């Protein structure tokens, strides 16, 4: 009886010991796999830095096989495949498979990293999504429609990053969904109202749509955001010159108005930068336009002489600056 009780007690103890050993063994195995994963990851990073992308992809595959939670490895794995892809060999199964693997791992990396609270992880998630969008470009998968949900995800990850807004607006513009494109650009402006680049993007969009008044309004808003930047005013002058020179529908009164507004803008640019050769050139071009609209011969002569003087000054500045760069 005593022996049976002892045996039962020992059996119970043995079961506990076995359970503890099993847990310890499992924990030990997990730790070993983590160490093996990190060893493979470090070796992969060395191969990646050396631009040995075939070796890097194999080692990153080994790392995530040992530790699937090694989230940041997926971006580099995807990029290793991406760097092996050759657009000139598009259609070849082995080459196309590389891009498919790149897309798969960019997506995995973004999914795993985007839930992290660490800023560096979320930044890498955003980078993964940017490369994923690039994979859908014309020189790769050529499927821009698939980039839409990716770009929306990027905006959700960081609403203050304007690049995804611009990229998504371009997708909509290429698809002739112009209302959506304009809305995205205005959302970018709302996200970063002090950023001059959002107004440049809006101006470029309106210019492509042939909306001159809106183009100028966006450029003027851009100049308001950086009032000491001479290039901002020079760009306004350039657009006025191009419109007055290129739009055959304009009446002479409208051309005169645009020329005067262009001169005001270019004078501001030269006021901010007295040796601004490009601004001098455009001032001369605007004066030549003005001369073509004049009837008074003396006024025409005066305008053309001033325009030539500005052209000479601009050329001298360009030569001087070129000599200084040597």
Protein backbone atom coordinates (compact mmCIF):
# COMPACT_ATOMS: atom_id res chain seq x y z
CA UNK A 1 0.00 0.00 0.00
CA UNK A 2 2.78 2.39 0.94
CA UNK A 3 4.70 1.45 -2.19
CA UNK A 4 1.62 2.10 -4.36
CA UNK A 5 1.16 5.52 -2.72
CA UNK A 6 4.83 6.32 -3.25
CA UNK A 7 4.59 5.18 -6.87
CA UNK A 8 1.49 7.31 -7.41
CA UNK A 9 3.32 10.30 -5.85
CA UNK A 10 6.37 9.67 -7.98
CA UNK A 11 4.20 9.32 -11.07
CA UNK A 12 2.60 12.69 -10.33
CA UNK A 13 5.99 14.30 -9.79
CA UNK A 14 7.28 12.67 -12.97
CA UNK A 15 4.42 14.10 -14.99
CA UNK A 16 5.13 17.58 -13.66
CA UNK A 17 8.83 17.18 -14.40
CA UNK A 18 8.09 15.93 -17.91
CA UNK A 19 5.74 18.85 -18.49
CA UNK A 20 8.31 21.32 -17.23
CA UNK A 21 11.01 19.74 -19.36
CA UNK A 22 8.72 19.88 -22.40
CA UNK A 23 8.01 23.57 -21.83
CA UNK A 24 11.68 24.27 -21.26
CA UNK A 25 12.59 22.32 -24.37
CA UNK A 26 10.02 24.20 -26.45
CA UNK A 27 11.25 27.52 -25.08
CA UNK A 28 14.81 26.48 -25.79
CA UNK A 29 13.95 25.48 -29.34
CA UNK A 30 12.16 28.79 -29.88
CA UNK A 31 15.18 30.65 -28.57
CA UNK A 32 17.47 28.67 -30.84
CA UNK A 33 15.26 29.49 -33.84
CA UNK A 34 15.33 33.18 -32.91
CA UNK A 35 19.13 33.10 -32.73
CA UNK A 36 19.33 31.27 -36.05
CA UNK A 37 16.95 33.81 -37.57
CA UNK A 38 19.05 36.74 -36.36
CA UNK A 39 22.23 35.07 -37.61
CA UNK A 40 20.67 34.60 -41.04
CA UNK A 41 19.29 38.15 -40.98
CA UNK A 42 22.71 39.66 -40.23
CA UNK A 43 24.31 37.63 -43.00
CA UNK A 44 21.50 38.69 -45.34
CA UNK A 45 22.13 42.35 -44.48
CA UNK A 46 25.79 41.95 -45.43
CA UNK A 47 24.84 40.40 -48.77
CA UNK A 48 22.22 43.12 -49.32
CA UNK A 49 24.77 45.87 -48.61
CA UNK A 50 27.11 44.23 -51.11
CA UNK A 51 24.22 44.20 -53.65
CA UNK A 52 24.38 40.41 -53.83
CA UNK A 53 20.61 40.18 -54.02
CA UNK A 54 20.32 36.46 -54.90
CA UNK A 55 22.31 35.55 -51.77
CA UNK A 56 20.44 38.13 -49.70
CA UNK A 57 17.03 36.78 -50.71
CA UNK A 58 18.01 33.22 -49.73
CA UNK A 59 19.28 34.37 -46.35
CA UNK A 60 16.23 36.56 -45.66
CA UNK A 61 14.02 33.59 -46.57
CA UNK A 62 15.95 31.52 -44.03
CA UNK A 63 15.53 34.25 -41.40
CA UNK A 64 11.74 34.52 -41.74
CA UNK A 65 11.40 30.73 -41.92
CA UNK A 66 13.08 30.49 -38.51
CA UNK A 67 11.19 33.49 -37.13
CA UNK A 68 8.07 34.57 -39.08
CA UNK A 69 7.61 37.48 -36.64
CA UNK A 70 10.82 39.13 -37.85
CA UNK A 71 8.66 41.77 -39.50
CA UNK A 72 11.33 44.14 -40.80
CA UNK A 73 13.00 41.30 -42.74
CA UNK A 74 10.08 41.10 -45.17
CA UNK A 75 10.78 44.51 -46.67
CA UNK A 76 14.39 43.62 -47.40
CA UNK A 77 13.36 40.21 -48.70
CA UNK A 78 10.88 41.85 -51.06
CA UNK A 79 13.43 44.43 -52.15
CA UNK A 80 16.04 41.73 -52.78
CA UNK A 81 13.65 40.03 -55.21
CA UNK A 82 12.68 43.40 -56.67
CA UNK A 83 16.31 44.24 -57.43
CA UNK A 84 16.72 40.95 -59.30
CA UNK A 85 13.74 41.67 -61.57
CA UNK A 86 14.57 42.93 -65.06
CA UNK A 87 11.88 44.88 -66.99
CA UNK A 88 13.64 43.96 -70.25
CA UNK A 89 12.89 40.29 -69.52
CA UNK A 90 9.23 40.83 -68.71
CA UNK A 91 7.20 37.77 -69.70
CA UNK A 92 9.88 35.25 -68.75
CA UNK A 93 8.41 33.04 -65.99
CA UNK A 94 11.50 33.03 -63.75
CA UNK A 95 11.89 36.80 -64.03
CA UNK A 96 8.18 37.49 -63.45
CA UNK A 97 8.22 35.21 -60.39
CA UNK A 98 10.79 37.52 -58.80
CA UNK A 99 8.38 40.44 -59.00
CA UNK A 100 5.52 38.34 -57.63
CA UNK A 101 7.70 37.44 -54.64
CA UNK A 102 8.66 41.09 -54.18
CA UNK A 103 4.99 42.12 -54.09
CA UNK A 104 4.11 39.32 -51.68
CA UNK A 105 6.84 40.28 -49.23
CA UNK A 106 6.29 44.04 -49.48
CA UNK A 107 2.66 43.37 -48.54
CA UNK A 108 3.62 41.03 -45.70
CA UNK A 109 6.10 43.55 -44.36
CA UNK A 110 3.57 46.37 -44.51
CA UNK A 111 0.89 44.27 -42.79
CA UNK A 112 3.17 43.20 -39.96
CA UNK A 113 4.93 46.53 -39.43
CA UNK A 114 1.89 48.80 -39.65
CA UNK A 115 0.45 47.45 -36.38
CA UNK A 116 3.62 48.28 -34.46
CA UNK A 117 3.74 51.21 -32.07
CA UNK A 118 7.39 51.89 -32.93
CA UNK A 119 7.84 54.88 -35.29
CA UNK A 120 10.71 53.15 -37.11
CA UNK A 121 8.53 50.12 -37.83
CA UNK A 122 5.68 52.26 -39.13
CA UNK A 123 8.13 54.20 -41.31
CA UNK A 124 9.36 50.93 -42.79
CA UNK A 125 5.75 49.84 -43.31
CA UNK A 126 5.18 53.04 -45.27
CA UNK A 127 8.32 52.40 -47.31
CA UNK A 128 7.12 48.87 -48.05
CA UNK A 129 3.87 50.30 -49.37
CA UNK A 130 5.71 52.83 -51.53
CA UNK A 131 7.72 50.05 -53.15
CA UNK A 132 4.54 48.02 -53.51
CA UNK A 133 2.94 50.89 -55.41
CA UNK A 134 6.03 51.13 -57.63
CA UNK A 135 5.65 47.42 -58.40
CA UNK A 136 2.28 48.16 -59.99
CA UNK A 137 3.86 50.79 -62.29
CA UNK A 138 4.03 50.62 -66.08
CA UNK A 139 7.57 49.22 -66.16
CA UNK A 140 6.62 46.36 -63.87
CA UNK A 141 3.14 44.86 -63.33
CA UNK A 142 1.43 47.76 -65.13
CA UNK A 143 -1.70 47.54 -62.99
CA UNK A 144 -2.24 51.00 -61.43
CA UNK A 145 -5.73 50.06 -60.20
CA UNK A 146 -4.13 47.79 -57.60
CA UNK A 147 -2.14 50.69 -56.21
CA UNK A 148 -5.31 52.52 -55.10
CA UNK A 149 -5.95 50.50 -51.88
CA UNK A 150 -2.23 50.55 -51.10
CA UNK A 151 -2.08 54.34 -51.36
CA UNK A 152 -5.21 54.69 -49.25
CA UNK A 153 -3.51 52.52 -46.61
CA UNK A 154 -0.44 54.77 -46.76
CA UNK A 155 -2.59 57.85 -46.18
CA UNK A 156 -4.23 56.14 -43.21
CA UNK A 157 -0.81 55.23 -41.77
CA UNK A 158 0.46 58.80 -41.98
CA UNK A 159 -2.13 61.43 -42.96
CA UNK A 160 0.54 64.15 -42.88
CA UNK A 161 2.69 62.55 -45.60
CA UNK A 162 1.61 64.26 -48.83
CA UNK A 163 3.39 61.93 -51.27
CA UNK A 164 0.67 59.22 -51.21
CA UNK A 165 -1.97 61.89 -51.88
CA UNK A 166 0.00 63.03 -54.93
CA UNK A 167 0.50 59.47 -56.15
CA UNK A 168 -3.17 58.56 -55.73
CA UNK A 169 -4.22 61.80 -57.44
CA UNK A 170 -2.03 60.80 -60.38
CA UNK A 171 -3.70 57.36 -60.52
CA UNK A 172 -7.11 59.06 -60.69
CA UNK A 173 -5.92 61.60 -63.25
CA UNK A 174 -4.54 58.87 -65.51
CA UNK A 175 -7.91 57.10 -65.22
CA UNK A 176 -9.68 60.38 -66.20
CA UNK A 177 -11.33 60.55 -62.76
CA UNK A 178 -10.56 64.25 -62.50
CA UNK A 179 -12.88 65.11 -59.62
CA UNK A 180 -11.19 62.47 -57.45
CA UNK A 181 -7.75 63.70 -58.50
CA UNK A 182 -8.52 67.30 -57.56
CA UNK A 183 -10.10 66.20 -54.28
CA UNK A 184 -6.96 64.26 -53.31
CA UNK A 185 -4.73 67.23 -54.06
CA UNK A 186 -6.93 69.48 -51.94
CA UNK A 187 -6.81 66.91 -49.13
CA UNK A 188 -3.02 67.07 -49.36
CA UNK A 189 -3.25 70.85 -49.03
CA UNK A 190 -5.47 70.45 -45.97
CA UNK A 191 -2.98 67.99 -44.47
CA UNK A 192 0.03 70.28 -45.01
CA UNK A 193 -1.28 73.82 -45.64
CA UNK A 194 2.12 75.41 -45.05
CA UNK A 195 3.94 73.13 -47.51
CA UNK A 196 4.69 74.93 -50.81
CA UNK A 197 4.89 71.62 -52.70
CA UNK A 198 1.14 70.98 -52.38
CA UNK A 199 0.41 74.21 -54.25
CA UNK A 200 2.92 73.27 -56.95
CA UNK A 201 1.15 69.94 -57.37
CA UNK A 202 -2.20 71.70 -57.63
CA UNK A 203 -0.80 74.19 -60.14
CA UNK A 204 0.62 71.38 -62.27
CA UNK A 205 -2.71 69.56 -62.24
CA UNK A 206 -4.72 72.66 -63.15
CA UNK A 207 -2.25 73.51 -65.90
CA UNK A 208 -2.65 70.05 -67.44
CA UNK A 209 -6.42 70.56 -67.34
CA UNK A 210 -6.09 73.92 -69.10
CA UNK A 211 -7.42 75.85 -66.09
CA UNK A 212 -5.17 78.90 -66.20
CA UNK A 213 -6.86 80.99 -63.52
CA UNK A 214 -6.71 78.12 -61.03
CA UNK A 215 -3.09 77.46 -62.01
CA UNK A 216 -2.11 81.04 -61.22
CA UNK A 217 -4.11 81.02 -57.97
CA UNK A 218 -2.23 77.93 -56.78
CA UNK A 219 1.13 79.45 -57.76
CA UNK A 220 0.30 82.66 -55.90
CA UNK A 221 -0.63 80.63 -52.82
CA UNK A 222 2.71 78.89 -53.12
CA UNK A 223 4.49 82.27 -53.27
CA UNK A 224 2.56 83.40 -50.18
CA UNK A 225 3.99 80.40 -48.30
CA UNK A 226 7.60 81.26 -49.25
CA UNK A 227 7.68 85.02 -49.86
CA UNK A 228 11.49 85.19 -49.91
CA UNK A 229 11.89 82.58 -52.66
CA UNK A 230 12.55 84.36 -55.99
CA UNK A 231 11.83 81.18 -57.96
CA UNK A 232 8.23 81.21 -56.73
CA UNK A 233 7.64 84.60 -58.37
CA UNK A 234 9.65 83.73 -61.46
CA UNK A 235 7.41 80.70 -62.00
CA UNK A 236 4.32 82.92 -61.92
CA UNK A 237 5.92 85.21 -64.51
CA UNK A 238 6.80 82.21 -66.67
CA UNK A 239 3.21 80.98 -66.70
CA UNK A 240 1.90 84.44 -67.62
CA UNK A 241 4.42 84.62 -70.47
CA UNK A 242 3.49 81.17 -71.79
CA UNK A 243 -0.23 81.93 -71.65
CA UNK A 244 0.07 85.34 -73.33
CA UNK A 245 2.36 83.89 -75.98
CA UNK A 246 0.59 80.59 -76.62
CA UNK A 247 -3.16 81.08 -76.26
CA UNK A 248 -4.45 82.30 -79.64
CA UNK A 249 -7.91 82.86 -78.19
CA UNK A 250 -6.78 85.77 -76.02
CA UNK A 251 -7.76 89.30 -76.96
CA UNK A 252 -5.04 91.98 -76.94
CA UNK A 253 -6.46 93.48 -73.75
CA UNK A 254 -6.14 90.11 -71.99
CA UNK A 255 -2.59 89.69 -73.27
CA UNK A 256 -1.65 93.15 -71.96
CA UNK A 257 -3.13 92.25 -68.58
CA UNK A 258 -1.15 89.00 -68.40
CA UNK A 259 2.05 90.72 -69.51
CA UNK A 260 1.72 93.37 -66.80
CA UNK A 261 1.01 90.76 -64.14
CA UNK A 262 3.98 88.76 -65.37
CA UNK A 263 6.21 91.84 -65.12
CA UNK A 264 5.07 92.50 -61.55
CA UNK A 265 5.95 88.91 -60.61
CA UNK A 266 9.32 88.88 -62.37
CA UNK A 267 10.27 92.25 -60.84
CA UNK A 268 9.61 90.74 -57.42
CA UNK A 269 11.90 87.83 -58.30
CA UNK A 270 14.70 90.18 -59.39
CA UNK A 271 14.17 92.32 -56.30
CA UNK A 272 14.79 89.21 -54.18
CA UNK A 273 17.75 88.06 -56.28
CA UNK A 274 19.49 90.75 -58.30
CA UNK A 275 21.65 88.28 -60.28
CA UNK A 276 18.73 86.01 -61.26
CA UNK A 277 19.56 85.36 -64.93
CA UNK A 278 16.40 83.37 -65.66
CA UNK A 279 14.19 86.15 -64.32
CA UNK A 280 16.06 88.70 -66.43
CA UNK A 281 15.51 86.55 -69.51
CA UNK A 282 11.78 86.29 -68.86
CA UNK A 283 11.49 90.01 -68.17
CA UNK A 284 13.01 90.60 -71.59
CA UNK A 285 10.61 88.13 -73.20
CA UNK A 286 7.63 89.83 -71.56
CA UNK A 287 8.84 93.22 -72.81
CA UNK A 288 9.10 91.83 -76.34
CA UNK A 289 5.52 90.59 -76.04
CA UNK A 290 4.47 94.03 -74.86
CA UNK A 291 6.26 95.62 -77.83
CA UNK A 292 4.24 93.50 -80.28
CA UNK A 293 1.05 95.00 -78.87
CA UNK A 294 2.23 98.62 -79.03
CA UNK A 295 1.41 101.11 -81.79
CA UNK A 296 3.81 103.87 -80.75
CA UNK A 297 7.13 103.30 -82.55
CA UNK A 298 9.14 105.14 -79.92
CA UNK A 299 7.64 102.93 -77.20
CA UNK A 300 8.34 99.82 -79.25
CA UNK A 301 11.98 100.83 -79.67
CA UNK A 302 12.35 101.54 -75.95
CA UNK A 303 10.87 98.15 -74.99
CA UNK A 304 13.03 96.22 -77.47
CA UNK A 305 16.20 98.00 -76.36
CA UNK A 306 15.45 97.24 -72.71
CA UNK A 307 14.69 93.62 -73.61
CA UNK A 308 18.01 93.29 -75.44
CA UNK A 309 19.87 94.85 -72.53
CA UNK A 310 18.30 92.31 -70.17
CA UNK A 311 19.21 89.45 -72.51
CA UNK A 312 22.83 90.65 -72.59
CA UNK A 313 22.94 90.92 -68.80
CA UNK A 314 21.45 87.44 -68.41
CA UNK A 315 23.96 85.92 -70.84
CA UNK A 316 26.86 87.62 -69.05
CA UNK A 317 25.65 86.27 -65.71
CA UNK A 318 25.30 82.75 -67.10
CA UNK A 319 28.87 82.86 -68.47
CA UNK A 320 30.20 84.24 -65.18
CA UNK A 321 28.42 81.58 -63.16
CA UNK A 322 29.63 78.85 -65.52
CA UNK A 323 33.21 80.07 -65.21
CA UNK A 324 32.89 80.09 -61.42
CA UNK A 325 31.73 76.46 -61.42
CA UNK A 326 34.89 75.27 -63.21
